[in-house]
N, C-alpha and C. Protein backbone atom coordinates (compact mmCIF):
# COMPACT_ATOMS: atom_id res chain seq x y z
N MET A 1 10.27 -11.62 -40.34
CA MET A 1 11.25 -11.08 -39.43
C MET A 1 12.25 -10.27 -40.24
N ILE A 2 12.67 -9.18 -39.69
CA ILE A 2 13.61 -8.31 -40.37
C ILE A 2 14.99 -8.53 -39.78
N ASP A 3 15.95 -8.80 -40.64
CA ASP A 3 17.33 -8.94 -40.20
C ASP A 3 18.01 -7.59 -40.33
N GLY A 4 18.96 -7.36 -39.47
CA GLY A 4 19.67 -6.09 -39.49
C GLY A 4 20.51 -5.93 -40.75
N VAL A 5 20.89 -4.73 -41.03
CA VAL A 5 21.72 -4.42 -42.17
C VAL A 5 23.18 -4.57 -41.75
N GLY A 6 23.98 -5.16 -42.58
CA GLY A 6 25.39 -5.29 -42.26
C GLY A 6 25.74 -6.71 -41.87
N LYS A 7 26.70 -6.84 -40.95
CA LYS A 7 27.16 -8.15 -40.51
C LYS A 7 26.02 -8.97 -39.94
N THR A 8 26.08 -10.26 -40.18
CA THR A 8 25.06 -11.13 -39.61
C THR A 8 25.59 -11.74 -38.33
N GLY A 9 24.70 -12.23 -37.51
CA GLY A 9 25.09 -12.83 -36.25
C GLY A 9 24.96 -11.80 -35.13
N PRO A 10 25.11 -12.28 -33.91
CA PRO A 10 24.95 -11.37 -32.77
C PRO A 10 26.05 -10.32 -32.75
N ALA A 11 25.67 -9.14 -32.38
CA ALA A 11 26.63 -8.04 -32.32
C ALA A 11 27.48 -8.17 -31.07
N ARG A 12 28.68 -7.69 -31.16
CA ARG A 12 29.57 -7.73 -30.02
C ARG A 12 30.08 -6.32 -29.79
N ILE A 13 29.88 -5.84 -28.59
CA ILE A 13 30.32 -4.50 -28.27
C ILE A 13 31.59 -4.60 -27.44
N GLU A 14 32.60 -3.92 -27.88
CA GLU A 14 33.86 -3.92 -27.15
C GLU A 14 34.19 -2.50 -26.74
N LEU A 15 34.69 -2.37 -25.50
CA LEU A 15 35.13 -1.06 -25.02
C LEU A 15 36.52 -0.77 -25.57
N PRO A 16 36.79 0.48 -25.83
CA PRO A 16 38.14 0.81 -26.26
C PRO A 16 39.13 0.51 -25.14
N ARG A 17 40.34 0.22 -25.51
CA ARG A 17 41.35 -0.10 -24.49
C ARG A 17 41.55 1.09 -23.58
N GLY A 18 41.72 0.78 -22.30
CA GLY A 18 41.92 1.84 -21.32
C GLY A 18 40.61 2.42 -20.81
N ALA A 19 39.48 1.83 -21.19
CA ALA A 19 38.19 2.34 -20.76
C ALA A 19 37.63 1.50 -19.62
N GLU A 20 38.50 0.97 -18.78
CA GLU A 20 38.03 0.17 -17.66
C GLU A 20 37.20 1.04 -16.74
N LYS A 21 36.30 0.38 -16.02
CA LYS A 21 35.46 1.12 -15.09
C LYS A 21 36.31 1.65 -13.94
N SER A 22 36.07 2.86 -13.58
CA SER A 22 36.73 3.42 -12.41
C SER A 22 35.66 3.87 -11.44
N ALA A 23 36.01 3.93 -10.18
CA ALA A 23 35.04 4.33 -9.17
C ALA A 23 34.68 5.80 -9.38
N PRO A 24 33.39 6.14 -9.27
CA PRO A 24 33.00 7.53 -9.44
C PRO A 24 33.56 8.38 -8.30
N VAL A 25 33.90 9.59 -8.62
CA VAL A 25 34.44 10.51 -7.63
C VAL A 25 33.27 11.18 -6.94
N ALA A 26 33.23 11.07 -5.61
CA ALA A 26 32.13 11.64 -4.84
C ALA A 26 32.44 13.09 -4.50
N ALA A 27 31.43 13.92 -4.58
CA ALA A 27 31.58 15.32 -4.19
C ALA A 27 31.55 15.41 -2.67
N ALA A 28 31.98 16.53 -2.13
CA ALA A 28 32.06 16.70 -0.68
C ALA A 28 30.69 16.62 -0.02
N GLY A 29 29.63 17.11 -0.66
CA GLY A 29 28.30 17.11 -0.07
C GLY A 29 27.51 15.84 -0.32
N ASP A 30 28.12 14.82 -0.89
CA ASP A 30 27.41 13.59 -1.23
C ASP A 30 27.19 12.66 -0.05
N ALA A 31 27.90 12.83 1.04
CA ALA A 31 27.82 11.89 2.16
C ALA A 31 26.41 11.75 2.72
N PRO A 32 25.69 12.84 3.04
CA PRO A 32 24.32 12.67 3.56
C PRO A 32 23.38 12.03 2.53
N VAL A 33 23.55 12.40 1.28
CA VAL A 33 22.70 11.83 0.23
C VAL A 33 22.97 10.35 0.09
N ARG A 34 24.24 9.96 0.11
CA ARG A 34 24.60 8.55 -0.01
C ARG A 34 24.09 7.76 1.19
N ALA A 35 24.12 8.34 2.38
CA ALA A 35 23.62 7.66 3.58
C ALA A 35 22.13 7.40 3.46
N ARG A 36 21.38 8.42 3.03
CA ARG A 36 19.93 8.25 2.85
C ARG A 36 19.64 7.23 1.76
N GLN A 37 20.41 7.27 0.69
CA GLN A 37 20.21 6.33 -0.41
C GLN A 37 20.46 4.91 0.09
N GLY A 38 21.47 4.72 0.91
CA GLY A 38 21.75 3.40 1.47
C GLY A 38 20.62 2.92 2.35
N GLN A 39 20.02 3.82 3.13
CA GLN A 39 18.90 3.45 4.00
C GLN A 39 17.70 3.04 3.16
N VAL A 40 17.43 3.80 2.12
CA VAL A 40 16.30 3.48 1.24
C VAL A 40 16.53 2.14 0.56
N GLU A 41 17.74 1.91 0.06
CA GLU A 41 18.04 0.65 -0.60
C GLU A 41 17.88 -0.53 0.34
N SER A 42 18.31 -0.39 1.60
CA SER A 42 18.18 -1.51 2.54
C SER A 42 16.71 -1.75 2.88
N ALA A 43 15.91 -0.68 2.99
CA ALA A 43 14.49 -0.85 3.27
C ALA A 43 13.80 -1.54 2.10
N VAL A 44 14.14 -1.15 0.88
CA VAL A 44 13.57 -1.78 -0.31
C VAL A 44 13.97 -3.25 -0.36
N PHE A 45 15.23 -3.54 -0.07
CA PHE A 45 15.70 -4.92 -0.08
C PHE A 45 14.93 -5.77 0.92
N GLU A 46 14.67 -5.23 2.12
CA GLU A 46 13.91 -5.97 3.13
C GLU A 46 12.50 -6.27 2.64
N LEU A 47 11.86 -5.28 2.03
CA LEU A 47 10.49 -5.48 1.53
C LEU A 47 10.46 -6.53 0.42
N VAL A 48 11.40 -6.45 -0.49
CA VAL A 48 11.43 -7.37 -1.62
C VAL A 48 11.77 -8.78 -1.16
N SER A 49 12.70 -8.91 -0.24
CA SER A 49 13.11 -10.24 0.20
C SER A 49 12.03 -10.94 1.01
N SER A 50 11.15 -10.18 1.66
CA SER A 50 10.08 -10.82 2.43
C SER A 50 8.96 -11.31 1.53
N GLY A 51 8.91 -10.89 0.28
CA GLY A 51 7.90 -11.35 -0.66
C GLY A 51 6.59 -10.60 -0.50
N PRO A 52 5.63 -10.92 -1.33
CA PRO A 52 4.35 -10.23 -1.26
C PRO A 52 3.58 -10.66 -0.01
N PRO A 53 2.73 -9.77 0.50
CA PRO A 53 1.94 -10.15 1.68
C PRO A 53 0.90 -11.19 1.30
N VAL A 54 1.00 -12.37 1.90
CA VAL A 54 0.09 -13.47 1.58
C VAL A 54 -0.47 -14.03 2.88
N ASP A 55 -1.79 -14.21 2.91
CA ASP A 55 -2.43 -14.84 4.06
C ASP A 55 -2.40 -16.35 3.83
N ALA A 56 -1.39 -17.00 4.40
CA ALA A 56 -1.18 -18.43 4.16
C ALA A 56 -2.37 -19.27 4.60
N ALA A 57 -3.02 -18.88 5.69
CA ALA A 57 -4.18 -19.64 6.17
C ALA A 57 -5.33 -19.57 5.17
N LYS A 58 -5.54 -18.40 4.59
CA LYS A 58 -6.61 -18.25 3.60
C LYS A 58 -6.31 -19.06 2.34
N VAL A 59 -5.05 -19.02 1.91
CA VAL A 59 -4.65 -19.80 0.73
C VAL A 59 -4.86 -21.28 0.98
N ALA A 60 -4.49 -21.76 2.17
CA ALA A 60 -4.67 -23.18 2.50
C ALA A 60 -6.14 -23.55 2.53
N ALA A 61 -6.99 -22.67 3.06
CA ALA A 61 -8.43 -22.95 3.12
C ALA A 61 -9.03 -23.02 1.71
N ILE A 62 -8.62 -22.12 0.84
CA ILE A 62 -9.13 -22.12 -0.53
C ILE A 62 -8.66 -23.36 -1.27
N ARG A 63 -7.39 -23.74 -1.08
CA ARG A 63 -6.88 -24.95 -1.73
C ARG A 63 -7.64 -26.19 -1.27
N ALA A 64 -7.92 -26.25 0.02
CA ALA A 64 -8.67 -27.39 0.55
C ALA A 64 -10.08 -27.43 -0.02
N ALA A 65 -10.72 -26.26 -0.12
CA ALA A 65 -12.08 -26.20 -0.67
C ALA A 65 -12.09 -26.62 -2.13
N ILE A 66 -11.09 -26.22 -2.89
CA ILE A 66 -11.01 -26.62 -4.30
C ILE A 66 -10.81 -28.12 -4.39
N ALA A 67 -9.91 -28.67 -3.58
CA ALA A 67 -9.63 -30.11 -3.61
C ALA A 67 -10.86 -30.93 -3.24
N GLU A 68 -11.68 -30.38 -2.34
CA GLU A 68 -12.88 -31.10 -1.89
C GLU A 68 -14.09 -30.81 -2.77
N GLY A 69 -13.94 -29.93 -3.74
CA GLY A 69 -15.04 -29.63 -4.66
C GLY A 69 -16.10 -28.72 -4.07
N ARG A 70 -15.79 -27.98 -3.03
CA ARG A 70 -16.79 -27.10 -2.43
C ARG A 70 -16.46 -25.62 -2.60
N TYR A 71 -15.57 -25.30 -3.53
CA TYR A 71 -15.25 -23.91 -3.81
C TYR A 71 -16.18 -23.42 -4.91
N PRO A 72 -17.02 -22.40 -4.62
CA PRO A 72 -17.98 -21.93 -5.63
C PRO A 72 -17.28 -21.13 -6.73
N VAL A 73 -17.65 -21.42 -7.96
CA VAL A 73 -17.12 -20.68 -9.11
C VAL A 73 -18.29 -19.97 -9.78
N ASP A 74 -18.23 -18.64 -9.79
CA ASP A 74 -19.27 -17.83 -10.42
C ASP A 74 -18.67 -17.23 -11.69
N ALA A 75 -19.02 -17.80 -12.83
CA ALA A 75 -18.45 -17.37 -14.11
C ALA A 75 -18.74 -15.90 -14.39
N ASN A 76 -19.92 -15.41 -14.00
CA ASN A 76 -20.26 -14.00 -14.24
C ASN A 76 -19.35 -13.07 -13.45
N LYS A 77 -19.10 -13.41 -12.19
CA LYS A 77 -18.21 -12.58 -11.37
C LYS A 77 -16.80 -12.56 -11.95
N ILE A 78 -16.33 -13.72 -12.38
CA ILE A 78 -15.00 -13.81 -12.97
C ILE A 78 -14.92 -12.94 -14.22
N ALA A 79 -15.94 -13.03 -15.08
CA ALA A 79 -15.96 -12.24 -16.31
C ALA A 79 -16.01 -10.75 -16.01
N GLU A 80 -16.83 -10.36 -15.03
CA GLU A 80 -16.94 -8.94 -14.67
C GLU A 80 -15.60 -8.40 -14.19
N ARG A 81 -14.92 -9.16 -13.36
CA ARG A 81 -13.63 -8.70 -12.83
C ARG A 81 -12.56 -8.66 -13.92
N MET A 82 -12.60 -9.62 -14.84
CA MET A 82 -11.64 -9.61 -15.94
C MET A 82 -11.85 -8.37 -16.81
N ILE A 83 -13.11 -8.05 -17.08
CA ILE A 83 -13.42 -6.87 -17.90
C ILE A 83 -13.03 -5.60 -17.15
N ALA A 84 -13.31 -5.56 -15.85
CA ALA A 84 -12.96 -4.38 -15.05
C ALA A 84 -11.45 -4.15 -15.05
N LEU A 85 -10.68 -5.21 -15.02
CA LEU A 85 -9.22 -5.07 -15.05
C LEU A 85 -8.72 -4.67 -16.42
N ASP A 86 -9.42 -5.12 -17.46
CA ASP A 86 -8.97 -4.88 -18.83
C ASP A 86 -9.38 -3.51 -19.36
N ILE A 87 -10.56 -3.04 -18.96
CA ILE A 87 -11.08 -1.77 -19.47
C ILE A 87 -10.97 -0.73 -18.36
N PRO A 88 -10.22 0.34 -18.59
CA PRO A 88 -10.08 1.36 -17.54
C PRO A 88 -11.41 2.05 -17.27
N SER A 89 -11.62 2.40 -16.01
CA SER A 89 -12.87 3.07 -15.66
C SER A 89 -12.87 4.49 -16.21
N ARG A 90 -14.03 4.95 -16.55
CA ARG A 90 -14.17 6.30 -17.12
C ARG A 90 -14.96 7.15 -16.14
N GLY A 91 -14.30 7.62 -15.15
CA GLY A 91 -15.03 8.40 -14.16
C GLY A 91 -14.21 9.39 -13.45
């Protein structure tokens, strides 16, 4: 492992005095852009908060099949899909 040159220990960054954050000044034409940006942000938030699309019934059926020992495992199919995901297609 390479240690940095100079002082040891974690670095601490300090802002110069009087460099407090201030609200950005909006231009006159920013209102429509800001409104659209707000709409996009709220749509993204809704999608993210709902989580990934999951078929709960299918997940429950697969879990039950695994628990009962009747879920088929095909090692060749698993290997093929792993390779397909790892090696980009050339076409």
